[in-house]
N, C-alpha and C. Protein backbone atom coordinates (compact mmCIF):
# COMPACT_ATOMS: atom_id res chain seq x y z
N MET A 1 -61.52 -1.25 -16.47
CA MET A 1 -61.29 -2.68 -16.53
C MET A 1 -61.05 -3.22 -15.12
N THR A 2 -61.80 -4.24 -14.73
CA THR A 2 -61.65 -4.84 -13.42
C THR A 2 -60.81 -6.10 -13.52
N PHE A 3 -59.84 -6.22 -12.62
CA PHE A 3 -59.03 -7.42 -12.54
C PHE A 3 -59.00 -7.87 -11.09
N SER A 4 -59.33 -9.13 -10.85
CA SER A 4 -59.39 -9.65 -9.48
C SER A 4 -58.08 -10.35 -9.14
N SER A 5 -57.43 -9.88 -8.10
CA SER A 5 -56.21 -10.52 -7.63
C SER A 5 -56.51 -11.92 -7.12
N CYS A 6 -55.54 -12.82 -7.33
CA CYS A 6 -55.67 -14.18 -6.81
C CYS A 6 -55.36 -14.26 -5.32
N ILE A 7 -54.83 -13.19 -4.76
CA ILE A 7 -54.55 -13.16 -3.32
C ILE A 7 -55.85 -12.97 -2.56
N THR A 8 -55.98 -13.66 -1.46
CA THR A 8 -57.16 -13.48 -0.60
C THR A 8 -56.70 -13.21 0.83
N GLU A 9 -57.61 -12.73 1.64
CA GLU A 9 -57.28 -12.48 3.04
C GLU A 9 -57.07 -13.78 3.80
N GLY A 10 -57.41 -14.90 3.15
CA GLY A 10 -57.18 -16.20 3.76
C GLY A 10 -55.74 -16.68 3.63
N ASP A 11 -54.93 -15.98 2.82
CA ASP A 11 -53.52 -16.35 2.70
C ASP A 11 -52.79 -16.04 4.00
N SER A 12 -52.19 -17.07 4.58
CA SER A 12 -51.50 -16.86 5.86
C SER A 12 -50.10 -16.30 5.65
N GLN A 13 -49.44 -16.73 4.57
CA GLN A 13 -48.12 -16.23 4.20
C GLN A 13 -47.97 -16.39 2.69
N ILE A 14 -47.06 -15.61 2.12
CA ILE A 14 -46.77 -15.72 0.70
C ILE A 14 -45.27 -15.87 0.52
N VAL A 15 -44.87 -16.85 -0.29
CA VAL A 15 -43.46 -17.10 -0.56
C VAL A 15 -43.11 -16.45 -1.90
N LEU A 16 -42.14 -15.54 -1.91
CA LEU A 16 -41.80 -14.78 -3.11
C LEU A 16 -40.58 -15.37 -3.82
N ASP A 17 -40.69 -15.50 -5.14
CA ASP A 17 -39.56 -15.93 -5.95
C ASP A 17 -38.66 -14.73 -6.24
N THR A 18 -37.48 -15.01 -6.75
CA THR A 18 -36.48 -13.97 -7.02
C THR A 18 -37.02 -12.86 -7.91
N SER A 19 -37.64 -13.23 -9.02
CA SER A 19 -38.11 -12.21 -9.97
C SER A 19 -39.16 -11.31 -9.37
N VAL A 20 -40.00 -11.86 -8.49
CA VAL A 20 -41.04 -11.06 -7.85
C VAL A 20 -40.41 -10.02 -6.92
N VAL A 21 -39.40 -10.44 -6.18
CA VAL A 21 -38.70 -9.50 -5.29
C VAL A 21 -38.04 -8.40 -6.12
N ILE A 22 -37.42 -8.77 -7.23
CA ILE A 22 -36.77 -7.78 -8.10
C ILE A 22 -37.80 -6.80 -8.65
N ASN A 23 -38.96 -7.31 -9.06
CA ASN A 23 -40.02 -6.43 -9.55
C ASN A 23 -40.44 -5.42 -8.48
N LEU A 24 -40.62 -5.89 -7.27
CA LEU A 24 -41.07 -5.01 -6.18
C LEU A 24 -40.00 -3.99 -5.82
N LEU A 25 -38.74 -4.42 -5.80
CA LEU A 25 -37.66 -3.49 -5.49
C LEU A 25 -37.55 -2.41 -6.56
N ALA A 26 -37.83 -2.76 -7.80
CA ALA A 26 -37.75 -1.78 -8.89
C ALA A 26 -38.75 -0.65 -8.72
N THR A 27 -39.84 -0.90 -7.99
CA THR A 27 -40.86 0.14 -7.81
C THR A 27 -40.38 1.29 -6.94
N GLY A 28 -39.37 1.04 -6.12
CA GLY A 28 -38.94 2.03 -5.15
C GLY A 28 -39.87 2.11 -3.94
N ARG A 29 -40.87 1.25 -3.90
CA ARG A 29 -41.85 1.25 -2.82
C ARG A 29 -42.09 -0.15 -2.27
N ALA A 30 -41.06 -0.98 -2.32
CA ALA A 30 -41.24 -2.37 -1.90
C ALA A 30 -41.72 -2.50 -0.46
N SER A 31 -41.14 -1.73 0.43
CA SER A 31 -41.53 -1.81 1.84
C SER A 31 -43.00 -1.43 2.02
N GLN A 32 -43.41 -0.33 1.40
CA GLN A 32 -44.80 0.12 1.51
C GLN A 32 -45.76 -0.93 0.94
N ILE A 33 -45.40 -1.52 -0.19
CA ILE A 33 -46.26 -2.50 -0.82
C ILE A 33 -46.37 -3.76 0.04
N LEU A 34 -45.25 -4.27 0.52
CA LEU A 34 -45.28 -5.49 1.32
C LEU A 34 -46.00 -5.28 2.64
N GLN A 35 -45.81 -4.13 3.26
CA GLN A 35 -46.51 -3.87 4.52
C GLN A 35 -48.02 -3.70 4.30
N SER A 36 -48.40 -3.10 3.18
CA SER A 36 -49.81 -2.89 2.92
C SER A 36 -50.53 -4.19 2.56
N LEU A 37 -49.79 -5.21 2.17
CA LEU A 37 -50.41 -6.52 1.93
C LEU A 37 -51.10 -7.04 3.17
N GLU A 38 -50.50 -6.74 4.33
CA GLU A 38 -51.01 -7.23 5.61
C GLU A 38 -50.99 -8.75 5.67
N ILE A 39 -50.13 -9.36 4.87
CA ILE A 39 -49.91 -10.81 4.88
C ILE A 39 -48.40 -11.01 4.96
N PRO A 40 -47.90 -11.80 5.90
CA PRO A 40 -46.45 -12.01 6.00
C PRO A 40 -45.87 -12.56 4.71
N THR A 41 -44.72 -12.04 4.31
CA THR A 41 -44.04 -12.51 3.10
C THR A 41 -42.66 -13.02 3.46
N LEU A 42 -42.22 -14.02 2.72
CA LEU A 42 -40.92 -14.60 2.99
C LEU A 42 -40.26 -15.05 1.70
N ILE A 43 -38.96 -15.26 1.78
CA ILE A 43 -38.19 -15.83 0.69
C ILE A 43 -37.38 -16.98 1.26
N THR A 44 -37.00 -17.92 0.41
CA THR A 44 -36.15 -19.00 0.86
C THR A 44 -34.69 -18.55 0.87
N GLU A 45 -33.86 -19.32 1.56
CA GLU A 45 -32.43 -19.00 1.57
C GLU A 45 -31.85 -19.03 0.16
N ASN A 46 -32.40 -19.89 -0.69
CA ASN A 46 -31.92 -19.98 -2.07
C ASN A 46 -32.16 -18.69 -2.83
N VAL A 47 -33.35 -18.13 -2.64
CA VAL A 47 -33.68 -16.86 -3.29
C VAL A 47 -32.82 -15.73 -2.73
N GLU A 48 -32.61 -15.73 -1.42
CA GLU A 48 -31.76 -14.72 -0.82
C GLU A 48 -30.36 -14.75 -1.44
N GLN A 49 -29.82 -15.94 -1.62
CA GLN A 49 -28.49 -16.07 -2.21
C GLN A 49 -28.47 -15.60 -3.66
N GLU A 50 -29.53 -15.92 -4.42
CA GLU A 50 -29.60 -15.44 -5.80
C GLU A 50 -29.60 -13.92 -5.85
N LEU A 51 -30.33 -13.31 -4.94
CA LEU A 51 -30.41 -11.85 -4.91
C LEU A 51 -29.09 -11.22 -4.48
N ARG A 52 -28.48 -11.79 -3.46
CA ARG A 52 -27.23 -11.22 -2.93
C ARG A 52 -26.06 -11.42 -3.90
N ASN A 53 -25.99 -12.59 -4.50
CA ASN A 53 -24.80 -12.95 -5.28
C ASN A 53 -24.92 -12.69 -6.77
N GLY A 54 -26.15 -12.49 -7.25
CA GLY A 54 -26.29 -12.32 -8.69
C GLY A 54 -27.15 -11.16 -9.09
N SER A 55 -28.46 -11.32 -8.92
CA SER A 55 -29.43 -10.38 -9.47
C SER A 55 -29.24 -8.95 -8.98
N LEU A 56 -28.90 -8.78 -7.70
CA LEU A 56 -28.81 -7.43 -7.15
C LEU A 56 -27.39 -7.06 -6.73
N SER A 57 -26.44 -7.91 -7.01
CA SER A 57 -25.07 -7.65 -6.58
C SER A 57 -24.59 -6.30 -7.10
N GLU A 58 -24.15 -5.45 -6.19
CA GLU A 58 -23.60 -4.13 -6.50
C GLU A 58 -24.62 -3.20 -7.16
N ARG A 59 -25.91 -3.45 -6.93
CA ARG A 59 -26.94 -2.56 -7.43
C ARG A 59 -27.55 -1.79 -6.26
N PRO A 60 -28.09 -0.58 -6.50
CA PRO A 60 -28.63 0.22 -5.40
C PRO A 60 -29.80 -0.45 -4.68
N GLU A 61 -30.53 -1.35 -5.38
CA GLU A 61 -31.66 -2.02 -4.75
C GLU A 61 -31.23 -2.93 -3.59
N MET A 62 -29.95 -3.29 -3.56
CA MET A 62 -29.47 -4.16 -2.50
C MET A 62 -29.68 -3.54 -1.13
N ASP A 63 -29.49 -2.23 -1.02
CA ASP A 63 -29.69 -1.56 0.26
C ASP A 63 -31.13 -1.70 0.74
N GLU A 64 -32.08 -1.58 -0.19
CA GLU A 64 -33.48 -1.71 0.19
C GLU A 64 -33.79 -3.15 0.57
N LEU A 65 -33.21 -4.12 -0.14
CA LEU A 65 -33.42 -5.52 0.22
C LEU A 65 -32.91 -5.78 1.63
N LEU A 66 -31.73 -5.29 1.94
CA LEU A 66 -31.16 -5.50 3.28
C LEU A 66 -32.04 -4.85 4.34
N ALA A 67 -32.62 -3.70 4.03
CA ALA A 67 -33.52 -3.03 4.98
C ALA A 67 -34.78 -3.86 5.21
N LEU A 68 -35.30 -4.46 4.14
CA LEU A 68 -36.48 -5.31 4.27
C LEU A 68 -36.19 -6.52 5.14
N LEU A 69 -35.01 -7.10 4.97
CA LEU A 69 -34.62 -8.26 5.75
C LEU A 69 -34.35 -7.89 7.20
N ASP A 70 -33.67 -6.77 7.41
CA ASP A 70 -33.35 -6.33 8.78
C ASP A 70 -34.62 -6.03 9.57
N SER A 71 -35.61 -5.45 8.91
CA SER A 71 -36.86 -5.10 9.59
C SER A 71 -37.83 -6.27 9.66
N GLU A 72 -37.47 -7.39 9.02
CA GLU A 72 -38.30 -8.59 8.93
C GLU A 72 -39.62 -8.32 8.21
N THR A 73 -39.64 -7.25 7.40
CA THR A 73 -40.76 -7.07 6.48
C THR A 73 -40.76 -8.23 5.50
N LEU A 74 -39.56 -8.72 5.19
CA LEU A 74 -39.37 -9.90 4.37
C LEU A 74 -38.49 -10.86 5.16
N ARG A 75 -39.03 -12.04 5.45
CA ARG A 75 -38.28 -13.01 6.26
C ARG A 75 -37.66 -14.09 5.37
N VAL A 76 -36.64 -14.74 5.90
CA VAL A 76 -35.95 -15.79 5.17
C VAL A 76 -36.26 -17.14 5.81
N ALA A 77 -36.61 -18.12 4.99
CA ALA A 77 -36.99 -19.44 5.47
C ALA A 77 -36.04 -20.49 4.91
N THR A 78 -35.90 -21.59 5.64
CA THR A 78 -35.03 -22.69 5.26
C THR A 78 -35.86 -23.89 4.84
N LEU A 79 -35.47 -24.54 3.77
CA LEU A 79 -36.16 -25.75 3.35
C LEU A 79 -35.91 -26.85 4.37
N ASP A 80 -36.95 -27.61 4.64
CA ASP A 80 -36.79 -28.71 5.58
C ASP A 80 -37.70 -29.87 5.18
N GLY A 81 -37.40 -31.04 5.70
CA GLY A 81 -38.25 -32.20 5.51
C GLY A 81 -38.56 -32.49 4.05
N GLN A 82 -39.84 -32.72 3.79
CA GLN A 82 -40.29 -33.09 2.46
C GLN A 82 -40.02 -31.99 1.43
N ALA A 83 -39.94 -30.75 1.88
CA ALA A 83 -39.67 -29.64 0.96
C ALA A 83 -38.34 -29.85 0.25
N SER A 84 -37.35 -30.39 0.96
CA SER A 84 -36.04 -30.63 0.35
C SER A 84 -36.14 -31.67 -0.76
N ALA A 85 -36.96 -32.70 -0.54
CA ALA A 85 -37.14 -33.73 -1.56
C ALA A 85 -37.80 -33.15 -2.80
N VAL A 86 -38.80 -32.29 -2.61
CA VAL A 86 -39.47 -31.63 -3.73
C VAL A 86 -38.48 -30.74 -4.47
N PHE A 87 -37.65 -30.02 -3.72
CA PHE A 87 -36.65 -29.15 -4.31
C PHE A 87 -35.73 -29.93 -5.26
N PHE A 88 -35.19 -31.04 -4.78
CA PHE A 88 -34.26 -31.81 -5.60
C PHE A 88 -34.95 -32.43 -6.81
N ASP A 89 -36.22 -32.74 -6.67
CA ASP A 89 -36.98 -33.25 -7.81
C ASP A 89 -37.13 -32.16 -8.87
N LEU A 90 -37.32 -30.92 -8.44
CA LEU A 90 -37.54 -29.82 -9.38
C LEU A 90 -36.26 -29.34 -10.06
N VAL A 91 -35.12 -29.49 -9.42
CA VAL A 91 -33.87 -29.03 -10.04
C VAL A 91 -33.22 -30.13 -10.87
N GLY A 92 -33.73 -31.36 -10.77
CA GLY A 92 -33.18 -32.47 -11.55
C GLY A 92 -33.89 -32.61 -12.88
N GLY A 93 -33.37 -33.48 -13.73
CA GLY A 93 -34.02 -33.74 -15.01
C GLY A 93 -33.48 -32.88 -16.13
N THR A 94 -34.20 -32.91 -17.24
CA THR A 94 -33.78 -32.17 -18.44
C THR A 94 -33.97 -30.67 -18.24
N VAL A 95 -33.35 -29.89 -19.11
CA VAL A 95 -33.47 -28.44 -19.03
C VAL A 95 -34.93 -28.01 -19.14
N ALA A 96 -35.67 -28.67 -20.02
CA ALA A 96 -37.07 -28.30 -20.25
C ALA A 96 -37.95 -28.60 -19.06
N GLU A 97 -37.52 -29.54 -18.20
CA GLU A 97 -38.37 -29.97 -17.09
C GLU A 97 -37.75 -29.71 -15.73
N SER A 98 -36.76 -28.84 -15.67
CA SER A 98 -36.14 -28.51 -14.38
C SER A 98 -36.11 -27.00 -14.18
N LEU A 99 -35.95 -26.59 -12.95
CA LEU A 99 -35.97 -25.18 -12.60
C LEU A 99 -34.67 -24.78 -11.92
N ASP A 100 -34.43 -23.46 -11.83
CA ASP A 100 -33.25 -23.02 -11.10
C ASP A 100 -33.53 -23.12 -9.60
N ASP A 101 -32.50 -22.92 -8.80
CA ASP A 101 -32.62 -23.16 -7.35
C ASP A 101 -33.68 -22.28 -6.69
N GLY A 102 -33.72 -21.00 -7.08
CA GLY A 102 -34.67 -20.09 -6.45
C GLY A 102 -36.11 -20.47 -6.73
N GLU A 103 -36.41 -20.74 -7.99
CA GLU A 103 -37.77 -21.13 -8.37
C GLU A 103 -38.16 -22.44 -7.68
N ALA A 104 -37.26 -23.41 -7.72
CA ALA A 104 -37.54 -24.71 -7.13
C ALA A 104 -37.77 -24.60 -5.62
N ALA A 105 -36.94 -23.82 -4.95
CA ALA A 105 -37.09 -23.68 -3.51
C ALA A 105 -38.39 -22.96 -3.14
N THR A 106 -38.75 -21.95 -3.93
CA THR A 106 -39.99 -21.22 -3.69
C THR A 106 -41.19 -22.15 -3.77
N LEU A 107 -41.25 -22.93 -4.84
CA LEU A 107 -42.37 -23.85 -5.02
C LEU A 107 -42.36 -24.95 -3.96
N ALA A 108 -41.19 -25.49 -3.67
CA ALA A 108 -41.10 -26.59 -2.70
C ALA A 108 -41.54 -26.14 -1.31
N PHE A 109 -41.08 -24.97 -0.88
CA PHE A 109 -41.45 -24.49 0.46
C PHE A 109 -42.95 -24.20 0.53
N ALA A 110 -43.47 -23.54 -0.49
CA ALA A 110 -44.91 -23.23 -0.50
C ALA A 110 -45.75 -24.49 -0.50
N LEU A 111 -45.35 -25.48 -1.29
CA LEU A 111 -46.11 -26.73 -1.35
C LEU A 111 -46.09 -27.45 -0.01
N HIS A 112 -44.92 -27.55 0.59
CA HIS A 112 -44.77 -28.30 1.85
C HIS A 112 -45.54 -27.64 3.00
N HIS A 113 -45.60 -26.30 2.97
CA HIS A 113 -46.24 -25.59 4.07
C HIS A 113 -47.64 -25.08 3.72
N ASN A 114 -48.15 -25.50 2.56
CA ASN A 114 -49.50 -25.12 2.12
C ASN A 114 -49.66 -23.61 2.06
N LEU A 115 -48.71 -22.95 1.41
CA LEU A 115 -48.73 -21.50 1.26
C LEU A 115 -48.85 -21.15 -0.22
N SER A 116 -49.12 -19.89 -0.50
CA SER A 116 -49.15 -19.42 -1.89
C SER A 116 -47.74 -19.05 -2.33
N ALA A 117 -47.41 -19.40 -3.57
CA ALA A 117 -46.11 -19.06 -4.14
C ALA A 117 -46.28 -17.95 -5.16
N ALA A 118 -45.53 -16.87 -4.99
CA ALA A 118 -45.56 -15.77 -5.95
C ALA A 118 -44.43 -15.98 -6.94
N ILE A 119 -44.78 -16.30 -8.18
CA ILE A 119 -43.78 -16.62 -9.19
C ILE A 119 -44.32 -16.22 -10.55
N ASP A 120 -43.49 -15.62 -11.38
CA ASP A 120 -43.94 -15.08 -12.66
C ASP A 120 -43.53 -15.93 -13.87
N GLU A 121 -42.44 -16.67 -13.78
CA GLU A 121 -41.90 -17.37 -14.93
C GLU A 121 -42.87 -18.41 -15.48
N LYS A 122 -43.00 -18.42 -16.80
CA LYS A 122 -43.96 -19.31 -17.45
C LYS A 122 -43.60 -20.78 -17.27
N LYS A 123 -42.31 -21.12 -17.42
CA LYS A 123 -41.93 -22.52 -17.29
C LYS A 123 -42.19 -23.03 -15.88
N ALA A 124 -41.83 -22.22 -14.89
CA ALA A 124 -42.05 -22.62 -13.51
C ALA A 124 -43.54 -22.79 -13.22
N THR A 125 -44.34 -21.89 -13.78
CA THR A 125 -45.79 -21.98 -13.60
C THR A 125 -46.34 -23.24 -14.24
N ARG A 126 -45.86 -23.54 -15.44
CA ARG A 126 -46.33 -24.75 -16.13
C ARG A 126 -45.97 -26.01 -15.35
N ILE A 127 -44.72 -26.11 -14.93
CA ILE A 127 -44.27 -27.30 -14.20
C ILE A 127 -45.03 -27.45 -12.89
N ALA A 128 -45.21 -26.36 -12.18
CA ALA A 128 -45.93 -26.41 -10.91
C ALA A 128 -47.38 -26.84 -11.11
N THR A 129 -48.01 -26.32 -12.14
CA THR A 129 -49.40 -26.65 -12.42
C THR A 129 -49.55 -28.12 -12.79
N GLU A 130 -48.61 -28.63 -13.58
CA GLU A 130 -48.67 -30.03 -14.01
C GLU A 130 -48.38 -30.99 -12.86
N ARG A 131 -47.40 -30.68 -12.05
CA ARG A 131 -46.97 -31.62 -11.01
C ARG A 131 -47.72 -31.45 -9.69
N TYR A 132 -48.07 -30.22 -9.37
CA TYR A 132 -48.67 -29.94 -8.06
C TYR A 132 -49.93 -29.08 -8.23
N PRO A 133 -51.00 -29.66 -8.74
CA PRO A 133 -52.21 -28.88 -9.03
C PRO A 133 -52.85 -28.23 -7.81
N SER A 134 -52.52 -28.71 -6.62
CA SER A 134 -53.09 -28.10 -5.41
C SER A 134 -52.34 -26.85 -4.97
N LEU A 135 -51.16 -26.60 -5.53
CA LEU A 135 -50.35 -25.46 -5.11
C LEU A 135 -50.94 -24.16 -5.64
N ARG A 136 -51.15 -23.19 -4.77
CA ARG A 136 -51.69 -21.90 -5.17
C ARG A 136 -50.56 -21.01 -5.69
N LEU A 137 -50.75 -20.49 -6.90
CA LEU A 137 -49.76 -19.63 -7.54
C LEU A 137 -50.33 -18.24 -7.73
N ILE A 138 -49.50 -17.23 -7.44
CA ILE A 138 -49.89 -15.85 -7.70
C ILE A 138 -48.73 -15.17 -8.43
N THR A 139 -48.94 -13.97 -8.91
CA THR A 139 -47.92 -13.24 -9.66
C THR A 139 -47.69 -11.86 -9.03
N THR A 140 -46.68 -11.17 -9.56
CA THR A 140 -46.43 -9.80 -9.10
C THR A 140 -47.65 -8.92 -9.38
N VAL A 141 -48.29 -9.11 -10.53
CA VAL A 141 -49.47 -8.32 -10.86
C VAL A 141 -50.57 -8.53 -9.83
N ASP A 142 -50.72 -9.75 -9.33
CA ASP A 142 -51.71 -10.01 -8.28
C ASP A 142 -51.43 -9.19 -7.03
N ILE A 143 -50.15 -9.00 -6.73
CA ILE A 143 -49.78 -8.17 -5.57
C ILE A 143 -50.21 -6.73 -5.80
N PHE A 144 -49.91 -6.19 -6.98
CA PHE A 144 -50.31 -4.81 -7.28
C PHE A 144 -51.84 -4.65 -7.26
N ALA A 145 -52.56 -5.68 -7.69
CA ALA A 145 -54.02 -5.58 -7.82
C ALA A 145 -54.77 -5.95 -6.55
N PHE A 146 -54.06 -6.36 -5.51
CA PHE A 146 -54.71 -6.75 -4.26
C PHE A 146 -55.31 -5.53 -3.58
N GLY A 147 -56.53 -5.64 -3.12
CA GLY A 147 -57.27 -4.51 -2.57
C GLY A 147 -56.51 -3.66 -1.56
N PRO A 148 -55.93 -4.25 -0.50
CA PRO A 148 -55.22 -3.44 0.49
C PRO A 148 -54.04 -2.66 -0.09
N VAL A 149 -53.38 -3.22 -1.11
CA VAL A 149 -52.26 -2.51 -1.75
C VAL A 149 -52.79 -1.30 -2.52
N LYS A 150 -53.85 -1.50 -3.30
CA LYS A 150 -54.44 -0.39 -4.05
C LYS A 150 -54.99 0.67 -3.11
N LYS A 151 -55.44 0.26 -1.95
CA LYS A 151 -56.00 1.20 -0.98
C LYS A 151 -54.90 2.08 -0.39
N HIS A 152 -53.72 1.50 -0.16
CA HIS A 152 -52.65 2.24 0.51
C HIS A 152 -51.81 3.07 -0.45
N LEU A 153 -51.87 2.77 -1.75
CA LEU A 153 -51.12 3.56 -2.73
C LEU A 153 -52.08 4.50 -3.46
N SER A 154 -51.65 5.71 -3.71
CA SER A 154 -52.47 6.60 -4.52
C SER A 154 -52.48 6.07 -5.96
N ASP A 155 -53.41 6.56 -6.76
CA ASP A 155 -53.48 6.12 -8.16
C ASP A 155 -52.16 6.39 -8.89
N ASP A 156 -51.58 7.57 -8.65
CA ASP A 156 -50.32 7.91 -9.30
C ASP A 156 -49.18 7.02 -8.82
N ASP A 157 -49.16 6.74 -7.51
CA ASP A 157 -48.10 5.89 -6.97
C ASP A 157 -48.20 4.47 -7.51
N LEU A 158 -49.43 3.95 -7.63
CA LEU A 158 -49.62 2.61 -8.18
C LEU A 158 -49.19 2.58 -9.64
N LYS A 159 -49.60 3.58 -10.39
CA LYS A 159 -49.23 3.68 -11.80
C LYS A 159 -47.72 3.70 -11.96
N ASN A 160 -47.05 4.53 -11.18
CA ASN A 160 -45.60 4.65 -11.29
C ASN A 160 -44.89 3.37 -10.84
N ALA A 161 -45.42 2.73 -9.79
CA ALA A 161 -44.82 1.49 -9.29
C ALA A 161 -44.88 0.41 -10.35
N ILE A 162 -46.04 0.26 -11.00
CA ILE A 162 -46.20 -0.76 -12.03
C ILE A 162 -45.31 -0.45 -13.23
N PHE A 163 -45.27 0.81 -13.64
CA PHE A 163 -44.44 1.18 -14.78
C PHE A 163 -42.97 0.92 -14.50
N ARG A 164 -42.51 1.20 -13.31
CA ARG A 164 -41.10 0.96 -12.96
C ARG A 164 -40.80 -0.54 -12.95
N ALA A 165 -41.73 -1.35 -12.45
CA ALA A 165 -41.53 -2.80 -12.46
C ALA A 165 -41.44 -3.33 -13.89
N LEU A 166 -42.25 -2.75 -14.77
CA LEU A 166 -42.25 -3.17 -16.17
C LEU A 166 -41.00 -2.70 -16.91
N SER A 167 -40.64 -1.45 -16.72
CA SER A 167 -39.56 -0.86 -17.51
C SER A 167 -38.17 -1.17 -16.94
N LEU A 168 -38.06 -1.25 -15.63
CA LEU A 168 -36.75 -1.47 -15.01
C LEU A 168 -36.47 -2.94 -14.72
N ALA A 169 -37.51 -3.70 -14.38
CA ALA A 169 -37.31 -5.11 -14.03
C ALA A 169 -37.90 -6.07 -15.05
N ARG A 170 -38.55 -5.52 -16.09
CA ARG A 170 -39.15 -6.34 -17.15
C ARG A 170 -40.16 -7.35 -16.58
N MET A 171 -41.02 -6.85 -15.71
CA MET A 171 -42.05 -7.69 -15.11
C MET A 171 -42.90 -8.37 -16.18
N GLN A 172 -43.16 -9.65 -16.01
CA GLN A 172 -44.00 -10.39 -16.95
C GLN A 172 -45.47 -10.16 -16.64
N VAL A 173 -46.27 -10.08 -17.70
CA VAL A 173 -47.71 -9.88 -17.57
C VAL A 173 -48.42 -10.97 -18.36
N ARG A 174 -49.39 -11.61 -17.75
CA ARG A 174 -50.18 -12.63 -18.45
C ARG A 174 -51.27 -11.96 -19.27
N GLU A 175 -51.74 -12.65 -20.29
CA GLU A 175 -52.75 -12.06 -21.18
C GLU A 175 -54.00 -11.60 -20.43
N PRO A 176 -54.55 -12.38 -19.48
CA PRO A 176 -55.74 -11.91 -18.76
C PRO A 176 -55.49 -10.67 -17.90
N GLN A 177 -54.22 -10.37 -17.64
CA GLN A 177 -53.87 -9.22 -16.81
C GLN A 177 -53.62 -7.96 -17.63
N PHE A 178 -53.46 -8.11 -18.93
CA PHE A 178 -53.00 -7.02 -19.77
C PHE A 178 -53.91 -5.80 -19.73
N ASP A 179 -55.21 -6.00 -19.90
CA ASP A 179 -56.14 -4.87 -19.98
C ASP A 179 -56.08 -4.01 -18.72
N TRP A 180 -56.02 -4.66 -17.55
CA TRP A 180 -55.96 -3.89 -16.30
C TRP A 180 -54.65 -3.12 -16.20
N ILE A 181 -53.55 -3.78 -16.57
CA ILE A 181 -52.24 -3.11 -16.55
C ILE A 181 -52.25 -1.91 -17.50
N ALA A 182 -52.75 -2.11 -18.73
CA ALA A 182 -52.77 -1.04 -19.73
C ALA A 182 -53.62 0.13 -19.27
N GLU A 183 -54.75 -0.17 -18.67
CA GLU A 183 -55.63 0.90 -18.19
C GLU A 183 -54.99 1.65 -17.04
N THR A 184 -54.27 0.94 -16.19
CA THR A 184 -53.66 1.55 -15.01
C THR A 184 -52.49 2.46 -15.37
N ILE A 185 -51.63 2.03 -16.28
CA ILE A 185 -50.45 2.84 -16.60
C ILE A 185 -50.67 3.77 -17.79
N GLY A 186 -51.68 3.50 -18.61
CA GLY A 186 -51.97 4.34 -19.76
C GLY A 186 -51.32 3.82 -21.04
N SER A 187 -51.98 4.07 -22.16
CA SER A 187 -51.52 3.53 -23.45
C SER A 187 -50.13 4.03 -23.85
N GLU A 188 -49.80 5.28 -23.50
CA GLU A 188 -48.49 5.81 -23.88
C GLU A 188 -47.37 5.03 -23.21
N LYS A 189 -47.55 4.70 -21.95
CA LYS A 189 -46.51 3.95 -21.23
C LYS A 189 -46.47 2.49 -21.66
N VAL A 190 -47.60 1.96 -22.12
CA VAL A 190 -47.60 0.59 -22.63
C VAL A 190 -46.58 0.47 -23.76
N GLN A 191 -46.54 1.48 -24.64
CA GLN A 191 -45.63 1.45 -25.79
C GLN A 191 -44.17 1.54 -25.39
N LEU A 192 -43.91 1.95 -24.16
CA LEU A 192 -42.53 2.08 -23.68
C LEU A 192 -42.02 0.81 -23.00
N CYS A 193 -42.90 -0.17 -22.83
CA CYS A 193 -42.56 -1.40 -22.10
C CYS A 193 -42.39 -2.56 -23.06
N SER A 194 -41.17 -3.02 -23.22
CA SER A 194 -40.91 -4.09 -24.18
C SER A 194 -41.66 -5.37 -23.84
N THR A 195 -41.90 -5.62 -22.56
CA THR A 195 -42.59 -6.85 -22.17
C THR A 195 -44.08 -6.82 -22.50
N LEU A 196 -44.61 -5.66 -22.86
CA LEU A 196 -46.04 -5.56 -23.17
C LEU A 196 -46.31 -5.48 -24.67
N LYS A 197 -45.28 -5.28 -25.47
CA LYS A 197 -45.50 -5.03 -26.90
C LYS A 197 -46.17 -6.20 -27.60
N ARG A 198 -45.80 -7.43 -27.26
CA ARG A 198 -46.39 -8.60 -27.91
C ARG A 198 -47.88 -8.69 -27.59
N LEU A 199 -48.22 -8.49 -26.32
CA LEU A 199 -49.62 -8.55 -25.93
C LEU A 199 -50.41 -7.40 -26.55
N ALA A 200 -49.80 -6.22 -26.60
CA ALA A 200 -50.48 -5.06 -27.19
C ALA A 200 -50.75 -5.30 -28.67
N LYS A 201 -49.78 -5.87 -29.37
CA LYS A 201 -49.96 -6.16 -30.79
C LYS A 201 -51.06 -7.18 -31.00
N ARG A 202 -51.08 -8.22 -30.15
CA ARG A 202 -52.11 -9.24 -30.27
C ARG A 202 -53.50 -8.65 -30.05
N ARG A 203 -53.60 -7.71 -29.12
CA ARG A 203 -54.88 -7.07 -28.84
C ARG A 203 -55.35 -6.26 -30.06
N SER A 204 -54.40 -5.58 -30.73
CA SER A 204 -54.77 -4.73 -31.87
C SER A 204 -55.20 -5.55 -33.07
N ILE A 205 -54.68 -6.78 -33.17
CA ILE A 205 -55.03 -7.65 -34.29
C ILE A 205 -56.39 -8.31 -34.07
N ALA A 206 -56.66 -8.66 -32.80
CA ALA A 206 -57.89 -9.40 -32.47
C ALA A 206 -59.13 -8.59 -32.80
């Protein structure tokens, strides 16, 4: 099964949301994956705070995150100018039409600087698509499927990295991505991933 990543060599930088960073850290190979992208990656200060104070607080992955930041494999950016206005627009409003700080900052920075935003959450993707159709969105799966990443990881390492992201971080997978993911990790491991069971069931019914 062939799956084409939405990432291109024309991407100058990629802005990662909190969940994407968590998925990559769960692989145990975040540094190798990010370096093999050969595209600079960054997070906003909002995402950094979410990771430090909540998602990774007192977890072993924190050490790897700090190493990524210290080596500038992953850089931290500050919202400025129009990006701040977009941010406040995204965090305001009703629950159904607003985002948390990390998601909002990721989208706002990427939009303002004409960069790709790596974000997995369905609501954030829907809101971004409706409000900012010009914004390029990618997912964690796109990172795994990007040619340079697949080239630098062995088949077994890629398989294990994806399975760890699914089983440890509950990485989200879109329906068009399912077949490639299932083929890469194998049917037995698909059954072990709670985030894939709904898609697997739908495939068996179709």
